Amino acid sequence: MGWGFRIDYSGRILSSHVNAEFGIVPTRFDTREFIDRYGGLTKNIDILDLGYWIGDIYEKPASDWRELVERKGIV
C-alpha cells in the first residue's frame, strides 16, 4: 500500500497510511485554499499541492511543485 491520507472536506484527517519514513504527520490540511485555487477537491491530491498544519505551525503548499504541474497541465 502506498502512503496516503483520507481527509474530509474541511481538511480533517480521517485516516492515514504512512510509516515512520514519512516523517512528522500533519494534523490538518488546508483544503479551503486548495478549493479556492482549483474550484474543488479531487480524489487524489499530491501532498505537495496542499498547505497543512503540524500543531499550530502552518506549511504552505510547494509553489515550485504547483508551477510544474500547472505548466504540464496535470491539474
N, C-alpha and C. Protein backbone atom coordinates (compact mmCIF):
# COMPACT_ATOMS: atom_id res chain seq x y z
N MET A 1 0.84 -1.17 0.00
CA MET A 1 0.00 0.00 0.00
C MET A 1 0.89 1.24 0.00
N GLY A 2 0.49 2.25 -0.76
CA GLY A 2 1.23 3.50 -0.80
C GLY A 2 0.90 4.39 0.38
N TRP A 3 1.62 5.46 0.46
CA TRP A 3 1.36 6.43 1.52
C TRP A 3 0.13 7.23 1.15
N GLY A 4 -0.59 7.66 2.15
CA GLY A 4 -1.74 8.50 1.86
C GLY A 4 -2.54 8.85 3.09
N PHE A 5 -3.42 9.80 2.88
CA PHE A 5 -4.34 10.26 3.91
C PHE A 5 -5.74 10.27 3.34
N ARG A 6 -6.70 9.97 4.17
CA ARG A 6 -8.09 10.17 3.80
C ARG A 6 -8.55 11.35 4.64
N ILE A 7 -9.03 12.40 3.96
CA ILE A 7 -9.41 13.61 4.67
C ILE A 7 -10.86 13.96 4.34
N ASP A 8 -11.48 14.75 5.22
CA ASP A 8 -12.82 15.22 4.90
C ASP A 8 -12.71 16.57 4.20
N TYR A 9 -13.85 17.14 3.83
CA TYR A 9 -13.88 18.38 3.06
C TYR A 9 -13.22 19.54 3.79
N SER A 10 -13.22 19.49 5.12
CA SER A 10 -12.63 20.58 5.91
C SER A 10 -11.13 20.41 6.13
N GLY A 11 -10.55 19.28 5.68
CA GLY A 11 -9.12 19.04 5.84
C GLY A 11 -8.76 18.19 7.04
N ARG A 12 -9.76 17.80 7.81
CA ARG A 12 -9.50 16.94 8.97
C ARG A 12 -9.09 15.56 8.47
N ILE A 13 -8.06 14.98 9.08
CA ILE A 13 -7.56 13.67 8.67
C ILE A 13 -8.44 12.60 9.30
N LEU A 14 -9.05 11.78 8.43
CA LEU A 14 -9.90 10.69 8.89
C LEU A 14 -9.10 9.42 9.11
N SER A 15 -8.10 9.19 8.26
CA SER A 15 -7.20 8.05 8.43
C SER A 15 -5.91 8.34 7.67
N SER A 16 -4.85 7.69 8.10
CA SER A 16 -3.58 7.87 7.40
C SER A 16 -2.92 6.51 7.20
N HIS A 17 -2.20 6.42 6.11
CA HIS A 17 -1.47 5.20 5.76
C HIS A 17 -0.04 5.61 5.43
N VAL A 18 0.70 5.91 6.49
CA VAL A 18 2.09 6.31 6.34
C VAL A 18 2.94 5.53 7.34
N ASN A 19 4.22 5.44 7.06
CA ASN A 19 5.12 4.78 8.00
C ASN A 19 6.12 5.79 8.54
N ALA A 20 7.02 5.37 9.36
CA ALA A 20 7.96 6.26 10.03
C ALA A 20 8.83 7.03 9.05
N GLU A 21 9.08 6.49 7.87
CA GLU A 21 9.89 7.19 6.88
C GLU A 21 9.24 8.48 6.41
N PHE A 22 7.93 8.57 6.52
CA PHE A 22 7.20 9.76 6.07
C PHE A 22 7.62 10.98 6.87
N GLY A 23 7.89 10.81 8.14
CA GLY A 23 8.26 11.93 8.99
C GLY A 23 7.09 12.35 9.86
N ILE A 24 7.07 13.61 10.22
CA ILE A 24 6.00 14.12 11.08
C ILE A 24 4.72 14.20 10.27
N VAL A 25 3.64 13.70 10.85
CA VAL A 25 2.35 13.66 10.16
C VAL A 25 1.59 14.96 10.44
N PRO A 26 1.06 15.60 9.40
CA PRO A 26 0.26 16.81 9.60
C PRO A 26 -0.95 16.54 10.50
N THR A 27 -1.42 17.60 11.13
CA THR A 27 -2.62 17.47 11.96
C THR A 27 -3.87 17.86 11.19
N ARG A 28 -3.71 18.65 10.12
CA ARG A 28 -4.85 19.08 9.30
C ARG A 28 -4.31 19.63 7.98
N PHE A 29 -5.11 19.50 6.92
CA PHE A 29 -4.75 20.03 5.61
C PHE A 29 -5.59 21.25 5.28
N ASP A 30 -5.03 22.16 4.49
CA ASP A 30 -5.70 23.41 4.12
C ASP A 30 -6.52 23.21 2.85
N THR A 31 -7.63 22.54 2.98
CA THR A 31 -8.49 22.29 1.82
C THR A 31 -9.13 23.56 1.31
N ARG A 32 -9.40 24.53 2.18
CA ARG A 32 -10.04 25.79 1.75
C ARG A 32 -9.20 26.49 0.70
N GLU A 33 -7.89 26.61 0.93
CA GLU A 33 -7.00 27.27 -0.03
C GLU A 33 -6.99 26.50 -1.35
N PHE A 34 -6.95 25.17 -1.28
CA PHE A 34 -6.94 24.34 -2.48
C PHE A 34 -8.23 24.54 -3.27
N ILE A 35 -9.37 24.53 -2.59
CA ILE A 35 -10.66 24.72 -3.25
C ILE A 35 -10.74 26.11 -3.87
N ASP A 36 -10.29 27.12 -3.17
CA ASP A 36 -10.29 28.48 -3.72
C ASP A 36 -9.44 28.57 -4.97
N ARG A 37 -8.34 27.84 -5.00
CA ARG A 37 -7.43 27.91 -6.16
C ARG A 37 -7.93 27.08 -7.35
N TYR A 38 -8.42 25.86 -7.08
CA TYR A 38 -8.75 24.93 -8.16
C TYR A 38 -10.25 24.69 -8.35
N GLY A 39 -11.08 25.20 -7.44
CA GLY A 39 -12.52 25.07 -7.62
C GLY A 39 -13.14 23.86 -6.95
N GLY A 40 -12.37 22.99 -6.35
CA GLY A 40 -12.91 21.82 -5.68
C GLY A 40 -11.82 20.84 -5.33
N LEU A 41 -12.22 19.80 -4.64
CA LEU A 41 -11.29 18.72 -4.29
C LEU A 41 -11.41 17.60 -5.30
N THR A 42 -10.33 16.89 -5.50
CA THR A 42 -10.34 15.71 -6.35
C THR A 42 -10.03 14.49 -5.48
N LYS A 43 -10.23 13.32 -6.03
CA LYS A 43 -10.00 12.10 -5.25
C LYS A 43 -8.54 11.96 -4.83
N ASN A 44 -7.62 12.27 -5.72
CA ASN A 44 -6.19 12.13 -5.43
C ASN A 44 -5.51 13.48 -5.57
N ILE A 45 -4.95 13.97 -4.47
CA ILE A 45 -4.24 15.25 -4.45
C ILE A 45 -2.84 14.98 -3.91
N ASP A 46 -1.83 15.48 -4.61
CA ASP A 46 -0.47 15.32 -4.12
C ASP A 46 -0.28 16.18 -2.88
N ILE A 47 0.36 15.65 -1.87
CA ILE A 47 0.56 16.37 -0.62
C ILE A 47 1.33 17.68 -0.83
N LEU A 48 2.15 17.76 -1.87
CA LEU A 48 2.88 18.99 -2.15
C LEU A 48 1.95 20.12 -2.58
N ASP A 49 0.74 19.78 -3.01
CA ASP A 49 -0.20 20.77 -3.51
C ASP A 49 -1.16 21.27 -2.44
N LEU A 50 -0.97 20.82 -1.21
CA LEU A 50 -1.81 21.25 -0.09
C LEU A 50 -0.98 21.91 0.99
N GLY A 51 -1.49 23.00 1.52
CA GLY A 51 -0.91 23.53 2.74
C GLY A 51 -1.37 22.64 3.89
N TYR A 52 -0.66 22.68 4.99
CA TYR A 52 -1.05 21.84 6.11
C TYR A 52 -0.53 22.41 7.42
N TRP A 53 -1.10 21.96 8.50
CA TRP A 53 -0.65 22.34 9.83
C TRP A 53 -0.04 21.14 10.53
N ILE A 54 1.02 21.40 11.26
CA ILE A 54 1.58 20.45 12.23
C ILE A 54 1.46 21.19 13.55
N GLY A 55 0.47 20.80 14.33
CA GLY A 55 0.15 21.58 15.52
C GLY A 55 -0.38 22.93 15.08
N ASP A 56 0.22 24.00 15.56
CA ASP A 56 -0.21 25.33 15.15
C ASP A 56 0.75 25.98 14.15
N ILE A 57 1.66 25.21 13.59
CA ILE A 57 2.61 25.71 12.59
C ILE A 57 2.07 25.37 11.21
N TYR A 58 1.95 26.41 10.35
CA TYR A 58 1.41 26.24 9.00
C TYR A 58 2.54 26.13 7.98
N GLU A 59 2.42 25.17 7.10
CA GLU A 59 3.35 25.00 5.98
C GLU A 59 2.58 25.24 4.69
N LYS A 60 3.06 26.17 3.88
CA LYS A 60 2.39 26.50 2.61
C LYS A 60 2.56 25.36 1.60
N PRO A 61 1.67 25.31 0.60
CA PRO A 61 1.87 24.36 -0.50
C PRO A 61 3.20 24.66 -1.20
N ALA A 62 3.76 23.66 -1.84
CA ALA A 62 5.04 23.82 -2.54
C ALA A 62 4.81 24.57 -3.85
N SER A 63 5.19 25.84 -3.89
CA SER A 63 4.92 26.67 -5.07
C SER A 63 5.64 26.15 -6.32
N ASP A 64 6.86 25.64 -6.17
CA ASP A 64 7.57 25.11 -7.33
C ASP A 64 6.86 23.88 -7.91
N TRP A 65 6.28 23.05 -7.04
CA TRP A 65 5.51 21.89 -7.49
C TRP A 65 4.28 22.35 -8.25
N ARG A 66 3.57 23.33 -7.71
CA ARG A 66 2.37 23.84 -8.37
C ARG A 66 2.70 24.39 -9.75
N GLU A 67 3.76 25.14 -9.85
CA GLU A 67 4.16 25.70 -11.14
C GLU A 67 4.43 24.58 -12.15
N LEU A 68 5.12 23.54 -11.72
CA LEU A 68 5.45 22.43 -12.60
C LEU A 68 4.20 21.72 -13.10
N VAL A 69 3.29 21.33 -12.20
CA VAL A 69 2.10 20.59 -12.64
C VAL A 69 1.17 21.46 -13.46
N GLU A 70 1.11 22.74 -13.17
CA GLU A 70 0.26 23.62 -13.97
C GLU A 70 0.84 23.81 -15.36
N ARG A 71 2.16 23.92 -15.46
CA ARG A 71 2.82 24.03 -16.78
C ARG A 71 2.58 22.79 -17.61
N LYS A 72 2.60 21.63 -16.97
CA LYS A 72 2.41 20.38 -17.69
C LYS A 72 0.94 20.03 -17.88
N GLY A 73 0.04 20.83 -17.28
CA GLY A 73 -1.39 20.60 -17.45
C GLY A 73 -1.92 19.42 -16.65
N ILE A 74 -1.25 19.08 -15.56
CA ILE A 74 -1.66 17.93 -14.75
C ILE A 74 -2.85 18.29 -13.88
N VAL A 75 -2.93 19.52 -13.42
CA VAL A 75 -4.05 19.94 -12.55
C VAL A 75 -5.13 20.55 -13.40
